[in-house]
Amino acid sequence: MNDSPITAAQVGEALDALRNEGPLVQCLTNIVVTNWTANVLLAAGAAPAMVDNEQEAGLFAGVASGVLVNLGTPQENTVAGMRAAVAGAKDASTPWVLDPVAAGGLPWRTEIARELVAAGAPTIIRGNASEIAGLAGGAGGRGVDSTDTPDAVREVAQDLARANSCVVAVSGAVDLLTDGRRTVRLANGHEWLTRVTGVGCSLGALMAGFAGVVDDPLVAAASATGLLTVAADQAAQGAQGPGTFAVALLDRLASLSADDLVEQVRLS
């Protein structure tokens, strides 16, 4: 029995909206994944813009459909751009997504992540279980590797969501997403998703894109997760390994229909 608070039909409608509206997604992200993130957004139907300098980031956040702030490789100058983007997003009511990479494990970036949350009320916080625990005050994990499962931090994620009036999306073998009141799980995906650099980071960008075209942030986060993981299921079928899988994943992100997404997404 499917007792998900979100329906597959809502996810399909969100994908149609993304492709019809082509949201402009500002990405302040890490140097390892910039190109991949842009390609994922393009394949899905959104428009990427990597505007991350302090002089322009705030202004651009005011015209973007959604903003991603990813703390994968923070530097003083890029953090200044993040602060400006979050302020600009707040002033313009632009939805924005925080990806607190390695929160809890590295003190400086953890402090920055918490500062940004306090400054700008993110629409969605996306990370693995250890990052979410670390952001909320726990020990965190080993960089981008999670030492916890999403269900192990369910209550932490719900508390974090309620405290900040946002959605918290915890990635794992079964993804867990909550706004503090409603909780949904998605059980699609393939193990090769963990063998391609930047997949999680690009998921945050997709969430920002969906948040720009969908009013309900939980639906936005679930739709982004469903799109990426169902596309991964399809991509893995003909791939020989992580390399061919990465190429096929971009193809499937572009070709996956809303009807197929509705049929194949596994919500509970």
C-alpha atoms as a PDB file:
ATOM      1  CA  MET A   1       0.000   0.000   0.000  1.00  0.00           C
ATOM      2  CA  ASN A   2       1.333   3.406  -0.991  1.00  0.00           C
ATOM      3  CA  ASP A   3       0.806   5.864   1.843  1.00  0.00           C
ATOM      4  CA  SER A   4       3.029   8.589   0.402  1.00  0.00           C
ATOM      5  CA  PRO A   5       1.805  12.159   0.999  1.00  0.00           C
ATOM      6  CA  ILE A   6       2.886  12.899  -2.574  1.00  0.00           C
ATOM      7  CA  THR A   7       1.419  11.159  -5.599  1.00  0.00           C
ATOM      8  CA  ALA A   8       3.212   9.959  -8.700  1.00  0.00           C
ATOM      9  CA  ALA A   9       0.869  12.169 -10.708  1.00  0.00           C
ATOM     10  CA  GLN A  10       2.197  15.252  -8.913  1.00  0.00           C
ATOM     11  CA  VAL A  11       5.744  14.225  -9.803  1.00  0.00           C
ATOM     12  CA  GLY A  12       4.800  13.804 -13.452  1.00  0.00           C
ATOM     13  CA  GLU A  13       3.081  17.192 -13.513  1.00  0.00           C
ATOM     14  CA  ALA A  14       6.182  18.780 -11.997  1.00  0.00           C
ATOM     15  CA  LEU A  15       8.372  17.332 -14.760  1.00  0.00           C
ATOM     16  CA  ASP A  16       6.021  18.733 -17.391  1.00  0.00           C
ATOM     17  CA  ALA A  17       6.218  22.132 -15.682  1.00  0.00           C
ATOM     18  CA  LEU A  18      10.022  22.023 -15.604  1.00  0.00           C
ATOM     19  CA  ARG A  19      10.241  21.301 -19.319  1.00  0.00           C
ATOM     20  CA  ASN A  20       7.560  23.786 -20.270  1.00  0.00           C
ATOM     21  CA  GLU A  21       9.028  26.657 -18.236  1.00  0.00           C
ATOM     22  CA  GLY A  22      12.774  25.931 -18.507  1.00  0.00           C
ATOM     23  CA  PRO A  23      13.722  27.496 -15.152  1.00  0.00           C
ATOM     24  CA  LEU A  24      16.947  29.465 -14.856  1.00  0.00           C
ATOM     25  CA  VAL A  25      19.030  27.861 -12.100  1.00  0.00           C
ATOM     26  CA  GLN A  26      21.894  29.789 -10.546  1.00  0.00           C
ATOM     27  CA  CYS A  27      24.561  27.390  -9.296  1.00  0.00           C
ATOM     28  CA  LEU A  28      27.159  28.349  -6.731  1.00  0.00           C
ATOM     29  CA  THR A  29      28.756  24.947  -6.602  1.00  0.00           C
ATOM     30  CA  ASN A  30      32.066  23.194  -6.289  1.00  0.00           C
ATOM     31  CA  ILE A  31      34.830  23.114  -8.864  1.00  0.00           C
ATOM     32  CA  VAL A  32      34.712  19.326  -9.248  1.00  0.00           C
ATOM     33  CA  VAL A  33      31.153  19.191 -10.566  1.00  0.00           C
ATOM     34  CA  THR A  34      30.403  22.431 -12.403  1.00  0.00           C
ATOM     35  CA  ASN A  35      30.333  20.989 -15.922  1.00  0.00           C
ATOM     36  CA  TRP A  36      28.404  17.880 -14.911  1.00  0.00           C
ATOM     37  CA  THR A  37      25.815  19.913 -13.020  1.00  0.00           C
ATOM     38  CA  ALA A  38      25.254  22.185 -16.012  1.00  0.00           C
ATOM     39  CA  ASN A  39      24.815  19.182 -18.304  1.00  0.00           C
ATOM     40  CA  VAL A  40      22.320  17.543 -15.936  1.00  0.00           C
ATOM     41  CA  LEU A  41      20.226  20.706 -15.817  1.00  0.00           C
ATOM     42  CA  LEU A  42      20.312  21.069 -19.590  1.00  0.00           C
ATOM     43  CA  ALA A  43      19.362  17.433 -20.129  1.00  0.00           C
ATOM     44  CA  ALA A  44      16.429  17.726 -17.730  1.00  0.00           C
ATOM     45  CA  GLY A  45      15.105  20.871 -19.404  1.00  0.00           C
ATOM     46  CA  ALA A  46      16.401  23.657 -17.160  1.00  0.00           C
ATOM     47  CA  ALA A  47      18.921  26.413 -17.893  1.00  0.00           C
ATOM     48  CA  PRO A  48      22.127  26.584 -15.808  1.00  0.00           C
ATOM     49  CA  ALA A  49      23.971  29.759 -14.861  1.00  0.00           C
ATOM     50  CA  MET A  50      27.193  29.486 -12.861  1.00  0.00           C
ATOM     51  CA  VAL A  51      27.183  33.014 -11.449  1.00  0.00           C
ATOM     52  CA  ASP A  52      29.134  32.721  -8.211  1.00  0.00           C
ATOM     53  CA  ASN A  53      31.121  35.931  -7.740  1.00  0.00           C
ATOM     54  CA  GLU A  54      30.267  38.369  -4.965  1.00  0.00           C
ATOM     55  CA  GLN A  55      29.766  41.279  -7.372  1.00  0.00           C
ATOM     56  CA  GLU A  56      26.983  39.577  -9.369  1.00  0.00           C
ATOM     57  CA  ALA A  57      25.616  36.693  -7.315  1.00  0.00           C
ATOM     58  CA  GLY A  58      23.125  38.693  -5.282  1.00  0.00           C
ATOM     59  CA  LEU A  59      21.698  40.526  -8.275  1.00  0.00           C
ATOM     60  CA  PHE A  60      21.439  37.334 -10.303  1.00  0.00           C
ATOM     61  CA  ALA A  61      19.636  35.503  -7.498  1.00  0.00           C
ATOM     62  CA  GLY A  62      16.904  38.072  -7.837  1.00  0.00           C
ATOM     63  CA  VAL A  63      16.195  37.102 -11.454  1.00  0.00           C
ATOM     64  CA  ALA A  64      16.912  33.352 -11.269  1.00  0.00           C
ATOM     65  CA  SER A  65      14.113  30.817 -10.910  1.00  0.00           C
ATOM     66  CA  GLY A  66      16.059  28.939  -8.254  1.00  0.00           C
ATOM     67  CA  VAL A  67      19.481  29.007  -6.600  1.00  0.00           C
ATOM     68  CA  LEU A  68      21.812  26.201  -5.533  1.00  0.00           C
ATOM     69  CA  VAL A  69      24.461  26.785  -2.863  1.00  0.00           C
ATOM     70  CA  ASN A  70      26.853  23.835  -2.633  1.00  0.00           C
ATOM     71  CA  LEU A  71      29.718  23.826  -0.114  1.00  0.00           C
ATOM     72  CA  GLY A  72      31.852  21.173  -1.774  1.00  0.00           C
ATOM     73  CA  THR A  73      34.985  23.289  -2.292  1.00  0.00           C
ATOM     74  CA  PRO A  74      34.470  26.537  -0.370  1.00  0.00           C
ATOM     75  CA  GLN A  75      36.958  29.393  -0.693  1.00  0.00           C
ATOM     76  CA  GLU A  76      36.778  32.837   0.893  1.00  0.00           C
ATOM     77  CA  ASN A  77      35.745  34.465  -2.378  1.00  0.00           C
ATOM     78  CA  THR A  78      33.133  31.862  -3.295  1.00  0.00           C
ATOM     79  CA  VAL A  79      31.671  31.959   0.200  1.00  0.00           C
ATOM     80  CA  ALA A  80      31.294  35.714  -0.190  1.00  0.00           C
ATOM     81  CA  GLY A  81      29.353  35.019  -3.387  1.00  0.00           C
ATOM     82  CA  MET A  82      27.171  32.516  -1.519  1.00  0.00           C
ATOM     83  CA  ARG A  83      26.352  35.067   1.148  1.00  0.00           C
ATOM     84  CA  ALA A  84      25.388  37.566  -1.531  1.00  0.00           C
ATOM     85  CA  ALA A  85      23.268  35.012  -3.401  1.00  0.00           C
ATOM     86  CA  VAL A  86      21.403  33.953  -0.283  1.00  0.00           C
ATOM     87  CA  ALA A  87      20.694  37.591   0.576  1.00  0.00           C
ATOM     88  CA  GLY A  88      19.519  38.252  -2.969  1.00  0.00           C
ATOM     89  CA  ALA A  89      17.320  35.157  -2.971  1.00  0.00           C
ATOM     90  CA  LYS A  90      15.776  36.170   0.344  1.00  0.00           C
ATOM     91  CA  ASP A  91      15.030  39.694  -0.870  1.00  0.00           C
ATOM     92  CA  ALA A  92      13.447  38.415  -4.089  1.00  0.00           C
ATOM     93  CA  SER A  93      11.723  35.357  -2.553  1.00  0.00           C
ATOM     94  CA  THR A  94      13.676  33.133  -4.925  1.00  0.00           C
ATOM     95  CA  PRO A  95      13.713  29.509  -3.765  1.00  0.00           C
ATOM     96  CA  TRP A  96      17.167  28.260  -2.890  1.00  0.00           C
ATOM     97  CA  VAL A  97      18.748  24.933  -2.014  1.00  0.00           C
ATOM     98  CA  LEU A  98      21.629  24.326   0.385  1.00  0.00           C
ATOM     99  CA  ASP A  99      23.910  21.320  -0.079  1.00  0.00           C
ATOM    100  CA  PRO A 100      26.056  21.279   3.106  1.00  0.00           C
ATOM    101  CA  VAL A 101      28.809  19.024   1.771  1.00  0.00           C
ATOM    102  CA  ALA A 102      30.834  17.433   4.610  1.00  0.00           C
ATOM    103  CA  ALA A 103      28.938  19.368   7.274  1.00  0.00           C
ATOM    104  CA  GLY A 104      29.852  18.162  10.725  1.00  0.00           C
ATOM    105  CA  GLY A 105      33.141  16.725   9.576  1.00  0.00           C
ATOM    106  CA  LEU A 106      34.916  20.002   8.781  1.00  0.00           C
ATOM    107  CA  PRO A 107      34.345  22.915  11.195  1.00  0.00           C
ATOM    108  CA  TRP A 108      34.740  25.915   8.873  1.00  0.00           C
ATOM    109  CA  ARG A 109      32.273  24.801   6.245  1.00  0.00           C
ATOM    110  CA  THR A 110      29.891  23.591   8.949  1.00  0.00           C
ATOM    111  CA  GLU A 111      29.905  27.072  10.447  1.00  0.00           C
ATOM    112  CA  ILE A 112      29.278  28.590   7.010  1.00  0.00           C
ATOM    113  CA  ALA A 113      26.405  26.214   6.319  1.00  0.00           C
ATOM    114  CA  ARG A 114      24.733  27.102   9.605  1.00  0.00           C
ATOM    115  CA  GLU A 115      25.313  30.802   8.968  1.00  0.00           C
ATOM    116  CA  LEU A 116      23.637  30.577   5.555  1.00  0.00           C
ATOM    117  CA  VAL A 117      20.667  28.683   6.966  1.00  0.00           C
ATOM    118  CA  ALA A 118      20.201  31.342   9.636  1.00  0.00           C
ATOM    119  CA  ALA A 119      20.580  34.175   7.130  1.00  0.00           C
ATOM    120  CA  GLY A 120      18.326  33.053   4.366  1.00  0.00           C
ATOM    121  CA  ALA A 121      15.767  30.357   5.293  1.00  0.00           C
ATOM    122  CA  PRO A 122      16.533  27.790   2.572  1.00  0.00           C
ATOM    123  CA  THR A 123      13.678  26.224   0.660  1.00  0.00           C
ATOM    124  CA  ILE A 124      15.377  22.812   0.635  1.00  0.00           C
ATOM    125  CA  ILE A 125      18.400  21.380   2.434  1.00  0.00           C
ATOM    126  CA  ARG A 126      19.824  18.367   0.610  1.00  0.00           C
ATOM    127  CA  GLY A 127      22.572  16.044   1.805  1.00  0.00           C
ATOM    128  CA  ASN A 128      23.446  12.540   2.851  1.00  0.00           C
ATOM    129  CA  ALA A 129      22.482  11.332   6.308  1.00  0.00           C
ATOM    130  CA  SER A 130      25.791  12.228   7.945  1.00  0.00           C
ATOM    131  CA  GLU A 131      25.755  15.743   6.461  1.00  0.00           C
ATOM    132  CA  ILE A 132      22.234  16.358   7.706  1.00  0.00           C
ATOM    133  CA  ALA A 133      23.202  15.072  11.166  1.00  0.00           C
ATOM    134  CA  GLY A 134      26.314  17.259  11.123  1.00  0.00           C
ATOM    135  CA  LEU A 135      24.404  20.366  10.089  1.00  0.00           C
ATOM    136  CA  ALA A 136      21.959  19.753  12.921  1.00  0.00           C
ATOM    137  CA  GLY A 137      24.749  19.490  15.480  1.00  0.00           C
ATOM    138  CA  GLY A 138      25.911  15.889  15.199  1.00  0.00           C
ATOM    139  CA  ALA A 139      29.361  14.547  14.367  1.00  0.00           C
ATOM    140  CA  GLY A 140      28.922  14.278  10.604  1.00  0.00           C
ATOM    141  CA  GLY A 141      30.717  11.727   8.450  1.00  0.00           C
ATOM    142  CA  ARG A 142      33.786  11.332   6.259  1.00  0.00           C
ATOM    143  CA  GLY A 143      33.525  14.139   3.756  1.00  0.00           C
ATOM    144  CA  VAL A 144      30.958  13.204   1.123  1.00  0.00           C
ATOM    145  CA  ASP A 145      30.687   9.624   2.440  1.00  0.00           C
ATOM    146  CA  SER A 146      27.769   8.939   4.743  1.00  0.00           C
ATOM    147  CA  THR A 147      28.202   6.786   7.821  1.00  0.00           C
ATOM    148  CA  ASP A 148      24.467   6.894   8.574  1.00  0.00           C
ATOM    149  CA  THR A 149      21.324   5.855   6.716  1.00  0.00           C
ATOM    150  CA  PRO A 150      18.455   8.224   5.923  1.00  0.00           C
ATOM    151  CA  ASP A 151      16.089   6.473   8.318  1.00  0.00           C
ATOM    152  CA  ALA A 152      18.667   6.716  11.112  1.00  0.00           C
ATOM    153  CA  VAL A 153      18.380  10.519  10.955  1.00  0.00           C
ATOM    154  CA  ARG A 154      14.650  10.726  10.229  1.00  0.00           C
ATOM    155  CA  GLU A 155      13.801  12.534  13.457  1.00  0.00           C
ATOM    156  CA  VAL A 156      16.807  14.827  13.088  1.00  0.00           C
ATOM    157  CA  ALA A 157      15.709  15.701   9.549  1.00  0.00           C
ATOM    158  CA  GLN A 158      12.137  16.342  10.675  1.00  0.00           C
ATOM    159  CA  ASP A 159      13.300  18.583  13.518  1.00  0.00           C
ATOM    160  CA  LEU A 160      15.649  20.479  11.181  1.00  0.00           C
ATOM    161  CA  ALA A 161      12.840  20.963   8.679  1.00  0.00           C
ATOM    162  CA  ARG A 162      10.438  22.273  11.307  1.00  0.00           C
ATOM    163  CA  ALA A 163      13.037  24.569  12.847  1.00  0.00           C
ATOM    164  CA  ASN A 164      13.748  26.221   9.494  1.00  0.00           C
ATOM    165  CA  SER A 165      10.355  25.886   7.771  1.00  0.00           C
ATOM    166  CA  CYS A 166      11.995  24.044   4.903  1.00  0.00           C
ATOM    167  CA  VAL A 167      12.254  20.642   3.281  1.00  0.00           C
ATOM    168  CA  VAL A 168      15.129  18.381   4.263  1.00  0.00           C
ATOM    169  CA  ALA A 169      16.083  15.777   1.647  1.00  0.00           C
ATOM    170  CA  VAL A 170      18.311  12.934   2.825  1.00  0.00           C
ATOM    171  CA  SER A 171      19.922  10.920   0.039  1.00  0.00           C
ATOM    172  CA  GLY A 172      20.670   7.223   0.366  1.00  0.00           C
ATOM    173  CA  ALA A 173      19.714   3.815  -0.980  1.00  0.00           C
ATOM    174  CA  VAL A 174      16.149   4.864  -0.152  1.00  0.00           C
ATOM    175  CA  ASP A 175      15.846   8.645  -0.151  1.00  0.00           C
ATOM    176  CA  LEU A 176      13.934  10.311   2.687  1.00  0.00           C
ATOM    177  CA  LEU A 177      12.392  13.758   2.287  1.00  0.00           C
ATOM    178  CA  THR A 178      10.441  15.700   4.890  1.00  0.00           C
ATOM    179  CA  ASP A 179       8.996  19.120   5.598  1.00  0.00           C
ATOM    180  CA  GLY A 180       8.671  18.226   9.275  1.00  0.00           C
ATOM    181  CA  ARG A 181       5.026  17.319   8.899  1.00  0.00           C
ATOM    182  CA  ARG A 182       4.984  15.090   5.838  1.00  0.00           C
ATOM    183  CA  THR A 183       7.635  12.485   5.041  1.00  0.00           C
ATOM    184  CA  VAL A 184       8.126  10.653   1.760  1.00  0.00           C
ATOM    185  CA  ARG A 185      10.548   7.933   0.692  1.00  0.00           C
ATOM    186  CA  LEU A 186      11.747   7.170  -2.840  1.00  0.00           C
ATOM    187  CA  ALA A 187      13.211   3.757  -3.597  1.00  0.00           C
ATOM    188  CA  ASN A 188      14.517   4.163  -7.156  1.00  0.00           C
ATOM    189  CA  GLY A 189      18.169   4.436  -8.173  1.00  0.00           C
ATOM    190  CA  HIS A 190      21.211   2.313  -8.971  1.00  0.00           C
ATOM    191  CA  GLU A 191      24.481   1.768  -7.148  1.00  0.00           C
ATOM    192  CA  TRP A 192      26.420   3.375 -10.012  1.00  0.00           C
ATOM    193  CA  LEU A 193      25.000   6.724  -8.919  1.00  0.00           C
ATOM    194  CA  THR A 194      27.682   6.601  -6.220  1.00  0.00           C
ATOM    195  CA  ARG A 195      30.411   5.969  -8.816  1.00  0.00           C
ATOM    196  CA  VAL A 196      29.927   9.141 -10.873  1.00  0.00           C
ATOM    197  CA  THR A 197      31.320  12.379  -9.460  1.00  0.00           C
ATOM    198  CA  GLY A 198      28.759  15.086  -8.884  1.00  0.00           C
ATOM    199  CA  VAL A 199      25.500  13.166  -9.027  1.00  0.00           C
ATOM    200  CA  GLY A 200      24.422  14.279  -5.555  1.00  0.00           C
ATOM    201  CA  CYS A 201      25.508  17.830  -6.253  1.00  0.00           C
ATOM    202  CA  SER A 202      23.496  17.876  -9.464  1.00  0.00           C
ATOM    203  CA  LEU A 203      20.475  16.604  -7.550  1.00  0.00           C
ATOM    204  CA  GLY A 204      20.594  19.797  -5.496  1.00  0.00           C
ATOM    205  CA  ALA A 205      20.579  21.809  -8.714  1.00  0.00           C
ATOM    206  CA  LEU A 206      17.598  19.857 -10.022  1.00  0.00           C
ATOM    207  CA  MET A 207      15.770  20.569  -6.781  1.00  0.00           C
ATOM    208  CA  ALA A 208      16.411  24.281  -7.252  1.00  0.00           C
ATOM    209  CA  GLY A 209      15.013  24.018 -10.755  1.00  0.00           C
ATOM    210  CA  PHE A 210      11.873  22.208  -9.674  1.00  0.00           C
ATOM    211  CA  ALA A 211      11.413  24.605  -6.755  1.00  0.00           C
ATOM    212  CA  GLY A 212      11.291  27.396  -9.323  1.00  0.00           C
ATOM    213  CA  VAL A 213       8.261  25.901 -11.080  1.00  0.00           C
ATOM    214  CA  VAL A 214       6.418  24.035  -8.276  1.00  0.00           C
ATOM    215  CA  ASP A 215       4.824  25.771  -5.310  1.00  0.00           C
ATOM    216  CA  ASP A 216       5.199  22.870  -2.866  1.00  0.00           C
ATOM    217  CA  PRO A 217       8.898  22.398  -1.949  1.00  0.00           C
ATOM    218  CA  LEU A 218       8.330  18.777  -0.904  1.00  0.00           C
ATOM    219  CA  VAL A 219       6.883  18.006  -4.329  1.00  0.00           C
ATOM    220  CA  ALA A 220       9.824  19.841  -5.909  1.00  0.00           C
ATOM    221  CA  ALA A 221      12.397  17.848  -3.948  1.00  0.00           C
ATOM    222  CA  ALA A 222      10.618  14.560  -4.593  1.00  0.00           C
ATOM    223  CA  SER A 223      10.242  15.291  -8.308  1.00  0.00           C
ATOM    224  CA  ALA A 224      13.937  16.064  -8.697  1.00  0.00           C
ATOM    225  CA  THR A 225      14.857  12.916  -6.803  1.00  0.00           C
ATOM    226  CA  GLY A 226      12.399  10.817  -8.772  1.00  0.00           C
ATOM    227  CA  LEU A 227      13.614  12.146 -12.115  1.00  0.00           C
ATOM    228  CA  LEU A 228      17.270  11.478 -11.351  1.00  0.00           C
ATOM    229  CA  THR A 229      16.803   8.043  -9.825  1.00  0.00           C
ATOM    230  CA  VAL A 230      14.305   6.708 -12.354  1.00  0.00           C
ATOM    231  CA  ALA A 231      16.607   7.936 -15.134  1.00  0.00           C
ATOM    232  CA  ALA A 232      19.408   6.061 -13.366  1.00  0.00           C
ATOM    233  CA  ASP A 233      17.349   2.867 -13.331  1.00  0.00           C
ATOM    234  CA  GLN A 234      16.894   3.163 -17.077  1.00  0.00           C
ATOM    235  CA  ALA A 235      20.495   4.189 -17.781  1.00  0.00           C
ATOM    236  CA  ALA A 236      21.902   1.200 -15.920  1.00  0.00           C
ATOM    237  CA  GLN A 237      20.044  -1.275 -18.104  1.00  0.00           C
ATOM    238  CA  GLY A 238      22.329  -0.842 -21.103  1.00  0.00           C
ATOM    239  CA  ALA A 239      25.476   0.486 -19.439  1.00  0.00           C
ATOM    240  CA  GLN A 240      28.711  -1.465 -19.087  1.00  0.00           C
ATOM    241  CA  GLY A 241      30.011   0.436 -16.080  1.00  0.00           C
ATOM    242  CA  PRO A 242      30.135   3.890 -14.481  1.00  0.00           C
ATOM    243  CA  GLY A 243      31.497   5.579 -17.622  1.00  0.00           C
ATOM    244  CA  THR A 244      28.806   4.469 -20.034  1.00  0.00           C
ATOM    245  CA  PHE A 245      26.270   4.852 -17.237  1.00  0.00           C
ATOM    246  CA  ALA A 246      27.137   8.557 -16.848  1.00  0.00           C
ATOM    247  CA  VAL A 247      26.541   9.211 -20.548  1.00  0.00           C
ATOM    248  CA  ALA A 248      23.361   7.157 -20.556  1.00  0.00           C
ATOM    249  CA  LEU A 249      22.113   9.002 -17.479  1.00  0.00           C
ATOM    250  CA  LEU A 250      22.225  12.321 -19.328  1.00  0.00           C
ATOM    251  CA  ASP A 251      20.381  10.721 -22.250  1.00  0.00           C
ATOM    252  CA  ARG A 252      17.691   9.285 -19.987  1.00  0.00           C
ATOM    253  CA  LEU A 253      17.243  12.608 -18.163  1.00  0.00           C
ATOM    254  CA  ALA A 254      16.441  14.123 -21.542  1.00  0.00           C
ATOM    255  CA  SER A 255      14.233  11.328 -22.871  1.00  0.00           C
ATOM    256  CA  LEU A 256      12.305  10.215 -19.781  1.00  0.00           C
ATOM    257  CA  SER A 257       8.656  11.097 -20.260  1.00  0.00           C
ATOM    258  CA  ALA A 258       6.334  12.301 -17.545  1.00  0.00           C
ATOM    259  CA  ASP A 259       4.175   9.227 -18.127  1.00  0.00           C
ATOM    260  CA  ASP A 260       7.149   6.908 -17.641  1.00  0.00           C
ATOM    261  CA  LEU A 261       8.143   8.779 -14.502  1.00  0.00           C
ATOM    262  CA  VAL A 262       4.632   8.400 -13.095  1.00  0.00           C
ATOM    263  CA  GLU A 263       4.649   4.690 -13.870  1.00  0.00           C
ATOM    264  CA  GLN A 264       8.132   3.914 -12.509  1.00  0.00           C
ATOM    265  CA  VAL A 265       8.700   6.192  -9.512  1.00  0.00           C
ATOM    266  CA  ARG A 266       8.501   4.269  -6.247  1.00  0.00           C
ATOM    267  CA  LEU A 267       7.024   6.473  -3.544  1.00  0.00           C
ATOM    268  CA  SER A 268       6.017   5.499  -0.035  1.00  0.00           C
END
